[in-house]
Amino acid sequence: MAELRGEKVLLRPLAADDVPRLMEIQAQPAVARWWGAPTEQDLREKVDGTEGVVPFAIELDGEVVGLAQY
């Protein structure tokens, strides 16, 4: 899977090391309100490819700030 680099952000393949940070982001009330509270298993299934989606970590200045998938 390729990386997509823009002027400000990088979309790169989701990795297992991203799961704790994404758990923090998705647990925030403003995010959980739209997407529900994630489970670690859900995110790990995205990493493993068993959920049937193609996931990308979104990085800004080297820090994971979100998740995009198709």
PDB file of N, CA and C in Angstrom:
ATOM      1  N   MET A   1       0.852  -1.168   0.000  1.00  0.00           N
ATOM      2  CA  MET A   1       0.000   0.000   0.000  1.00  0.00           C
ATOM      3  C   MET A   1       0.903   1.239   0.000  1.00  0.00           C
ATOM      4  N   ALA A   2       0.549   2.204  -0.784  1.00  0.00           N
ATOM      5  CA  ALA A   2       1.359   3.401  -0.958  1.00  0.00           C
ATOM      6  C   ALA A   2       1.065   4.455   0.106  1.00  0.00           C
ATOM      7  N   GLU A   3       2.009   5.353   0.256  1.00  0.00           N
ATOM      8  CA  GLU A   3       1.805   6.538   1.088  1.00  0.00           C
ATOM      9  C   GLU A   3       1.308   7.663   0.197  1.00  0.00           C
ATOM     10  N   LEU A   4       0.497   8.529   0.759  1.00  0.00           N
ATOM     11  CA  LEU A   4       0.019   9.713   0.066  1.00  0.00           C
ATOM     12  C   LEU A   4       0.480  10.918   0.869  1.00  0.00           C
ATOM     13  N   ARG A   5       1.305  11.747   0.263  1.00  0.00           N
ATOM     14  CA  ARG A   5       1.872  12.891   0.975  1.00  0.00           C
ATOM     15  C   ARG A   5       1.331  14.186   0.379  1.00  0.00           C
ATOM     16  N   GLY A   6       0.765  15.014   1.240  1.00  0.00           N
ATOM     17  CA  GLY A   6       0.297  16.330   0.829  1.00  0.00           C
ATOM     18  C   GLY A   6       1.216  17.395   1.392  1.00  0.00           C
ATOM     19  N   GLU A   7       0.815  18.634   1.252  1.00  0.00           N
ATOM     20  CA  GLU A   7       1.634  19.732   1.770  1.00  0.00           C
ATOM     21  C   GLU A   7       1.747  19.689   3.281  1.00  0.00           C
ATOM     22  N   LYS A   8       0.688  19.229   3.949  1.00  0.00           N
ATOM     23  CA  LYS A   8       0.680  19.259   5.414  1.00  0.00           C
ATOM     24  C   LYS A   8       0.551  17.894   6.061  1.00  0.00           C
ATOM     25  N   VAL A   9      -0.084  16.947   5.385  1.00  0.00           N
ATOM     26  CA  VAL A   9      -0.342  15.653   6.018  1.00  0.00           C
ATOM     27  C   VAL A   9       0.213  14.498   5.201  1.00  0.00           C
ATOM     28  N   LEU A  10       0.375  13.393   5.882  1.00  0.00           N
ATOM     29  CA  LEU A  10       0.807  12.138   5.285  1.00  0.00           C
ATOM     30  C   LEU A  10      -0.243  11.089   5.598  1.00  0.00           C
ATOM     31  N   LEU A  11      -0.709  10.382   4.575  1.00  0.00           N
ATOM     32  CA  LEU A  11      -1.556   9.211   4.770  1.00  0.00           C
ATOM     33  C   LEU A  11      -0.678   8.013   4.480  1.00  0.00           C
ATOM     34  N   ARG A  12      -0.585   7.137   5.471  1.00  0.00           N
ATOM     35  CA  ARG A  12       0.269   5.958   5.317  1.00  0.00           C
ATOM     36  C   ARG A  12      -0.472   4.747   5.846  1.00  0.00           C
ATOM     37  N   PRO A  13      -0.047   3.560   5.453  1.00  0.00           N
ATOM     38  CA  PRO A  13      -0.738   2.366   5.934  1.00  0.00           C
ATOM     39  C   PRO A  13      -0.802   2.341   7.469  1.00  0.00           C
ATOM     40  N   LEU A  14      -1.953   1.948   7.964  1.00  0.00           N
ATOM     41  CA  LEU A  14      -2.156   1.838   9.403  1.00  0.00           C
ATOM     42  C   LEU A  14      -1.282   0.725   9.963  1.00  0.00           C
ATOM     43  N   ALA A  15      -0.670   0.970  11.111  1.00  0.00           N
ATOM     44  CA  ALA A  15       0.206  -0.011  11.752  1.00  0.00           C
ATOM     45  C   ALA A  15      -0.309  -0.324  13.160  1.00  0.00           C
ATOM     46  N   ALA A  16       0.087  -1.466  13.670  1.00  0.00           N
ATOM     47  CA  ALA A  16      -0.323  -1.877  15.021  1.00  0.00           C
ATOM     48  C   ALA A  16       0.092  -0.846  16.065  1.00  0.00           C
ATOM     49  N   ASP A  17       1.224  -0.190  15.860  1.00  0.00           N
ATOM     50  CA  ASP A  17       1.694   0.826  16.812  1.00  0.00           C
ATOM     51  C   ASP A  17       0.782   2.049  16.869  1.00  0.00           C
ATOM     52  N   ASP A  18      -0.093   2.214  15.875  1.00  0.00           N
ATOM     53  CA  ASP A  18      -1.011   3.362  15.834  1.00  0.00           C
ATOM     54  C   ASP A  18      -2.247   3.157  16.701  1.00  0.00           C
ATOM     55  N   VAL A  19      -2.531   1.922  17.070  1.00  0.00           N
ATOM     56  CA  VAL A  19      -3.779   1.595  17.774  1.00  0.00           C
ATOM     57  C   VAL A  19      -3.952   2.383  19.074  1.00  0.00           C
ATOM     58  N   PRO A  20      -2.959   2.455  19.971  1.00  0.00           N
ATOM     59  CA  PRO A  20      -3.180   3.216  21.213  1.00  0.00           C
ATOM     60  C   PRO A  20      -3.544   4.684  20.965  1.00  0.00           C
ATOM     61  N   ARG A  21      -2.875   5.321  20.024  1.00  0.00           N
ATOM     62  CA  ARG A  21      -3.170   6.736  19.734  1.00  0.00           C
ATOM     63  C   ARG A  21      -4.575   6.879  19.150  1.00  0.00           C
ATOM     64  N   LEU A  22      -4.952   5.978  18.265  1.00  0.00           N
ATOM     65  CA  LEU A  22      -6.290   6.054  17.683  1.00  0.00           C
ATOM     66  C   LEU A  22      -7.367   5.780  18.721  1.00  0.00           C
ATOM     67  N   MET A  23      -7.073   4.928  19.682  1.00  0.00           N
ATOM     68  CA  MET A  23      -8.013   4.700  20.780  1.00  0.00           C
ATOM     69  C   MET A  23      -8.241   6.001  21.551  1.00  0.00           C
ATOM     70  N   GLU A  24      -7.163   6.739  21.804  1.00  0.00           N
ATOM     71  CA  GLU A  24      -7.275   8.035  22.496  1.00  0.00           C
ATOM     72  C   GLU A  24      -8.132   9.004  21.695  1.00  0.00           C
ATOM     73  N   ILE A  25      -7.863   9.082  20.399  1.00  0.00           N
ATOM     74  CA  ILE A  25      -8.597  10.022  19.545  1.00  0.00           C
ATOM     75  C   ILE A  25     -10.073   9.646  19.498  1.00  0.00           C
ATOM     76  N   GLN A  26     -10.369   8.376  19.270  1.00  0.00           N
ATOM     77  CA  GLN A  26     -11.757   7.962  19.106  1.00  0.00           C
ATOM     78  C   GLN A  26     -12.535   7.941  20.409  1.00  0.00           C
ATOM     79  N   ALA A  27     -11.849   7.975  21.524  1.00  0.00           N
ATOM     80  CA  ALA A  27     -12.532   8.032  22.817  1.00  0.00           C
ATOM     81  C   ALA A  27     -12.944   9.460  23.182  1.00  0.00           C
ATOM     82  N   GLN A  28     -12.441  10.446  22.468  1.00  0.00           N
ATOM     83  CA  GLN A  28     -12.824  11.829  22.748  1.00  0.00           C
ATOM     84  C   GLN A  28     -14.312  12.002  22.442  1.00  0.00           C
ATOM     85  N   PRO A  29     -15.054  12.650  23.328  1.00  0.00           N
ATOM     86  CA  PRO A  29     -16.506  12.771  23.144  1.00  0.00           C
ATOM     87  C   PRO A  29     -16.932  13.312  21.780  1.00  0.00           C
ATOM     88  N   ALA A  30     -16.222  14.294  21.258  1.00  0.00           N
ATOM     89  CA  ALA A  30     -16.603  14.875  19.970  1.00  0.00           C
ATOM     90  C   ALA A  30     -16.441  13.881  18.818  1.00  0.00           C
ATOM     91  N   VAL A  31     -15.533  12.936  18.962  1.00  0.00           N
ATOM     92  CA  VAL A  31     -15.323  11.916  17.930  1.00  0.00           C
ATOM     93  C   VAL A  31     -16.249  10.733  18.175  1.00  0.00           C
ATOM     94  N   ALA A  32     -16.295  10.264  19.410  1.00  0.00           N
ATOM     95  CA  ALA A  32     -17.129   9.109  19.751  1.00  0.00           C
ATOM     96  C   ALA A  32     -18.602   9.385  19.460  1.00  0.00           C
ATOM     97  N   ARG A  33     -18.989  10.625  19.534  1.00  0.00           N
ATOM     98  CA  ARG A  33     -20.374  11.005  19.248  1.00  0.00           C
ATOM     99  C   ARG A  33     -20.779  10.575  17.841  1.00  0.00           C
ATOM    100  N   TRP A  34     -19.857  10.672  16.903  1.00  0.00           N
ATOM    101  CA  TRP A  34     -20.147  10.333  15.510  1.00  0.00           C
ATOM    102  C   TRP A  34     -19.835   8.874  15.187  1.00  0.00           C
ATOM    103  N   TRP A  35     -18.773   8.341  15.754  1.00  0.00           N
ATOM    104  CA  TRP A  35     -18.291   7.021  15.356  1.00  0.00           C
ATOM    105  C   TRP A  35     -18.499   5.949  16.413  1.00  0.00           C
ATOM    106  N   GLY A  36     -18.922   6.352  17.609  1.00  0.00           N
ATOM    107  CA  GLY A  36     -19.054   5.384  18.691  1.00  0.00           C
ATOM    108  C   GLY A  36     -17.696   5.104  19.303  1.00  0.00           C
ATOM    109  N   ALA A  37     -17.728   4.541  20.463  1.00  0.00           N
ATOM    110  CA  ALA A  37     -16.477   4.212  21.145  1.00  0.00           C
ATOM    111  C   ALA A  37     -15.857   2.988  20.462  1.00  0.00           C
ATOM    112  N   PRO A  38     -14.606   3.081  20.069  1.00  0.00           N
ATOM    113  CA  PRO A  38     -13.968   1.955  19.390  1.00  0.00           C
ATOM    114  C   PRO A  38     -13.526   0.901  20.397  1.00  0.00           C
ATOM    115  N   THR A  39     -13.306  -0.261  19.892  1.00  0.00           N
ATOM    116  CA  THR A  39     -12.664  -1.275  20.707  1.00  0.00           C
ATOM    117  C   THR A  39     -11.282  -1.504  20.102  1.00  0.00           C
ATOM    118  N   GLU A  40     -10.375  -1.923  20.926  1.00  0.00           N
ATOM    119  CA  GLU A  40      -9.031  -2.208  20.442  1.00  0.00           C
ATOM    120  C   GLU A  40      -9.096  -3.301  19.367  1.00  0.00           C
ATOM    121  N   GLN A  41      -9.979  -4.256  19.549  1.00  0.00           N
ATOM    122  CA  GLN A  41     -10.120  -5.341  18.568  1.00  0.00           C
ATOM    123  C   GLN A  41     -10.538  -4.794  17.203  1.00  0.00           C
ATOM    124  N   ASP A  42     -11.476  -3.847  17.175  1.00  0.00           N
ATOM    125  CA  ASP A  42     -11.903  -3.247  15.904  1.00  0.00           C
ATOM    126  C   ASP A  42     -10.722  -2.629  15.162  1.00  0.00           C
ATOM    127  N   LEU A  43      -9.919  -1.876  15.895  1.00  0.00           N
ATOM    128  CA  LEU A  43      -8.775  -1.223  15.260  1.00  0.00           C
ATOM    129  C   LEU A  43      -7.728  -2.235  14.819  1.00  0.00           C
ATOM    130  N   ARG A  44      -7.491  -3.246  15.615  1.00  0.00           N
ATOM    131  CA  ARG A  44      -6.511  -4.278  15.230  1.00  0.00           C
ATOM    132  C   ARG A  44      -6.981  -5.061  14.001  1.00  0.00           C
ATOM    133  N   GLU A  45      -8.290  -5.261  13.860  1.00  0.00           N
ATOM    134  CA  GLU A  45      -8.816  -5.925  12.670  1.00  0.00           C
ATOM    135  C   GLU A  45      -8.606  -5.073  11.433  1.00  0.00           C
ATOM    136  N   LYS A  46      -8.665  -3.749  11.583  1.00  0.00           N
ATOM    137  CA  LYS A  46      -8.351  -2.863  10.456  1.00  0.00           C
ATOM    138  C   LYS A  46      -6.888  -3.034  10.047  1.00  0.00           C
ATOM    139  N   VAL A  47      -5.998  -3.069  11.031  1.00  0.00           N
ATOM    140  CA  VAL A  47      -4.567  -3.238  10.761  1.00  0.00           C
ATOM    141  C   VAL A  47      -4.316  -4.570  10.053  1.00  0.00           C
ATOM    142  N   ASP A  48      -4.967  -5.620  10.536  1.00  0.00           N
ATOM    143  CA  ASP A  48      -4.758  -6.968  10.000  1.00  0.00           C
ATOM    144  C   ASP A  48      -5.423  -7.180   8.646  1.00  0.00           C
ATOM    145  N   GLY A  49      -6.322  -6.268   8.272  1.00  0.00           N
ATOM    146  CA  GLY A  49      -7.025  -6.424   7.008  1.00  0.00           C
ATOM    147  C   GLY A  49      -8.210  -7.370   7.065  1.00  0.00           C
ATOM    148  N   THR A  50      -8.592  -7.805   8.266  1.00  0.00           N
ATOM    149  CA  THR A  50      -9.698  -8.747   8.388  1.00  0.00           C
ATOM    150  C   THR A  50     -11.060  -8.065   8.400  1.00  0.00           C
ATOM    151  N   GLU A  51     -11.068  -6.734   8.431  1.00  0.00           N
ATOM    152  CA  GLU A  51     -12.335  -6.017   8.457  1.00  0.00           C
ATOM    153  C   GLU A  51     -12.817  -5.660   7.052  1.00  0.00           C
ATOM    154  N   GLY A  52     -12.002  -5.905   6.048  1.00  0.00           N
ATOM    155  CA  GLY A  52     -12.408  -5.637   4.673  1.00  0.00           C
ATOM    156  C   GLY A  52     -12.295  -4.187   4.244  1.00  0.00           C
ATOM    157  N   VAL A  53     -11.498  -3.407   4.940  1.00  0.00           N
ATOM    158  CA  VAL A  53     -11.266  -2.010   4.570  1.00  0.00           C
ATOM    159  C   VAL A  53      -9.777  -1.789   4.342  1.00  0.00           C
ATOM    160  N   VAL A  54      -9.459  -0.696   3.659  1.00  0.00           N
ATOM    161  CA  VAL A  54      -8.064  -0.300   3.472  1.00  0.00           C
ATOM    162  C   VAL A  54      -7.843   0.934   4.345  1.00  0.00           C
ATOM    163  N   PRO A  55      -7.133   0.771   5.477  1.00  0.00           N
ATOM    164  CA  PRO A  55      -6.987   1.864   6.435  1.00  0.00           C
ATOM    165  C   PRO A  55      -5.660   2.626   6.283  1.00  0.00           C
ATOM    166  N   PHE A  56      -5.731   3.915   6.535  1.00  0.00           N
ATOM    167  CA  PHE A  56      -4.555   4.782   6.532  1.00  0.00           C
ATOM    168  C   PHE A  56      -4.510   5.573   7.832  1.00  0.00           C
ATOM    169  N   ALA A  57      -3.332   5.692   8.401  1.00  0.00           N
ATOM    170  CA  ALA A  57      -3.124   6.623   9.516  1.00  0.00           C
ATOM    171  C   ALA A  57      -2.897   7.996   8.891  1.00  0.00           C
ATOM    172  N   ILE A  58      -3.454   9.002   9.509  1.00  0.00           N
ATOM    173  CA  ILE A  58      -3.246  10.382   9.069  1.00  0.00           C
ATOM    174  C   ILE A  58      -2.243  11.003  10.020  1.00  0.00           C
ATOM    175  N   GLU A  59      -1.131  11.481   9.470  1.00  0.00           N
ATOM    176  CA  GLU A  59      -0.092  12.121  10.282  1.00  0.00           C
ATOM    177  C   GLU A  59       0.005  13.599   9.944  1.00  0.00           C
ATOM    178  N   LEU A  60       0.201  14.393  10.971  1.00  0.00           N
ATOM    179  CA  LEU A  60       0.488  15.818  10.853  1.00  0.00           C
ATOM    180  C   LEU A  60       1.720  16.091  11.688  1.00  0.00           C
ATOM    181  N   ASP A  61       2.752  16.606  11.071  1.00  0.00           N
ATOM    182  CA  ASP A  61       4.013  16.881  11.779  1.00  0.00           C
ATOM    183  C   ASP A  61       4.528  15.648  12.516  1.00  0.00           C
ATOM    184  N   GLY A  62       4.380  14.460  11.902  1.00  0.00           N
ATOM    185  CA  GLY A  62       4.898  13.228  12.480  1.00  0.00           C
ATOM    186  C   GLY A  62       4.041  12.605  13.567  1.00  0.00           C
ATOM    187  N   GLU A  63       2.881  13.184  13.851  1.00  0.00           N
ATOM    188  CA  GLU A  63       1.994  12.663  14.900  1.00  0.00           C
ATOM    189  C   GLU A  63       0.708  12.143  14.269  1.00  0.00           C
ATOM    190  N   VAL A  64       0.258  10.982  14.708  1.00  0.00           N
ATOM    191  CA  VAL A  64      -1.010  10.431  14.217  1.00  0.00           C
ATOM    192  C   VAL A  64      -2.141  11.281  14.765  1.00  0.00           C
ATOM    193  N   VAL A  65      -2.972  11.788  13.821  1.00  0.00           N
ATOM    194  CA  VAL A  65      -4.083  12.648  14.218  1.00  0.00           C
ATOM    195  C   VAL A  65      -5.432  12.094  13.782  1.00  0.00           C
ATOM    196  N   GLY A  66      -5.400  10.957  13.071  1.00  0.00           N
ATOM    197  CA  GLY A  66      -6.671  10.398  12.645  1.00  0.00           C
ATOM    198  C   GLY A  66      -6.508   9.161  11.790  1.00  0.00           C
ATOM    199  N   LEU A  67      -7.646   8.716  11.253  1.00  0.00           N
ATOM    200  CA  LEU A  67      -7.734   7.487  10.474  1.00  0.00           C
ATOM    201  C   LEU A  67      -8.621   7.765   9.272  1.00  0.00           C
ATOM    202  N   ALA A  68      -8.191   7.302   8.111  1.00  0.00           N
ATOM    203  CA  ALA A  68      -9.026   7.342   6.903  1.00  0.00           C
ATOM    204  C   ALA A  68      -9.046   5.939   6.343  1.00  0.00           C
ATOM    205  N   GLN A  69     -10.171   5.580   5.741  1.00  0.00           N
ATOM    206  CA  GLN A  69     -10.256   4.235   5.183  1.00  0.00           C
ATOM    207  C   GLN A  69     -11.218   4.225   4.012  1.00  0.00           C
ATOM    208  N   TYR A  70     -11.038   3.219   3.189  1.00  0.00           N
ATOM    209  CA  TYR A  70     -12.009   2.987   2.116  1.00  0.00           C
ATOM    210  C   TYR A  70     -12.242   1.511   1.984  1.00  0.00           C
TER     211      TYR A  70
END
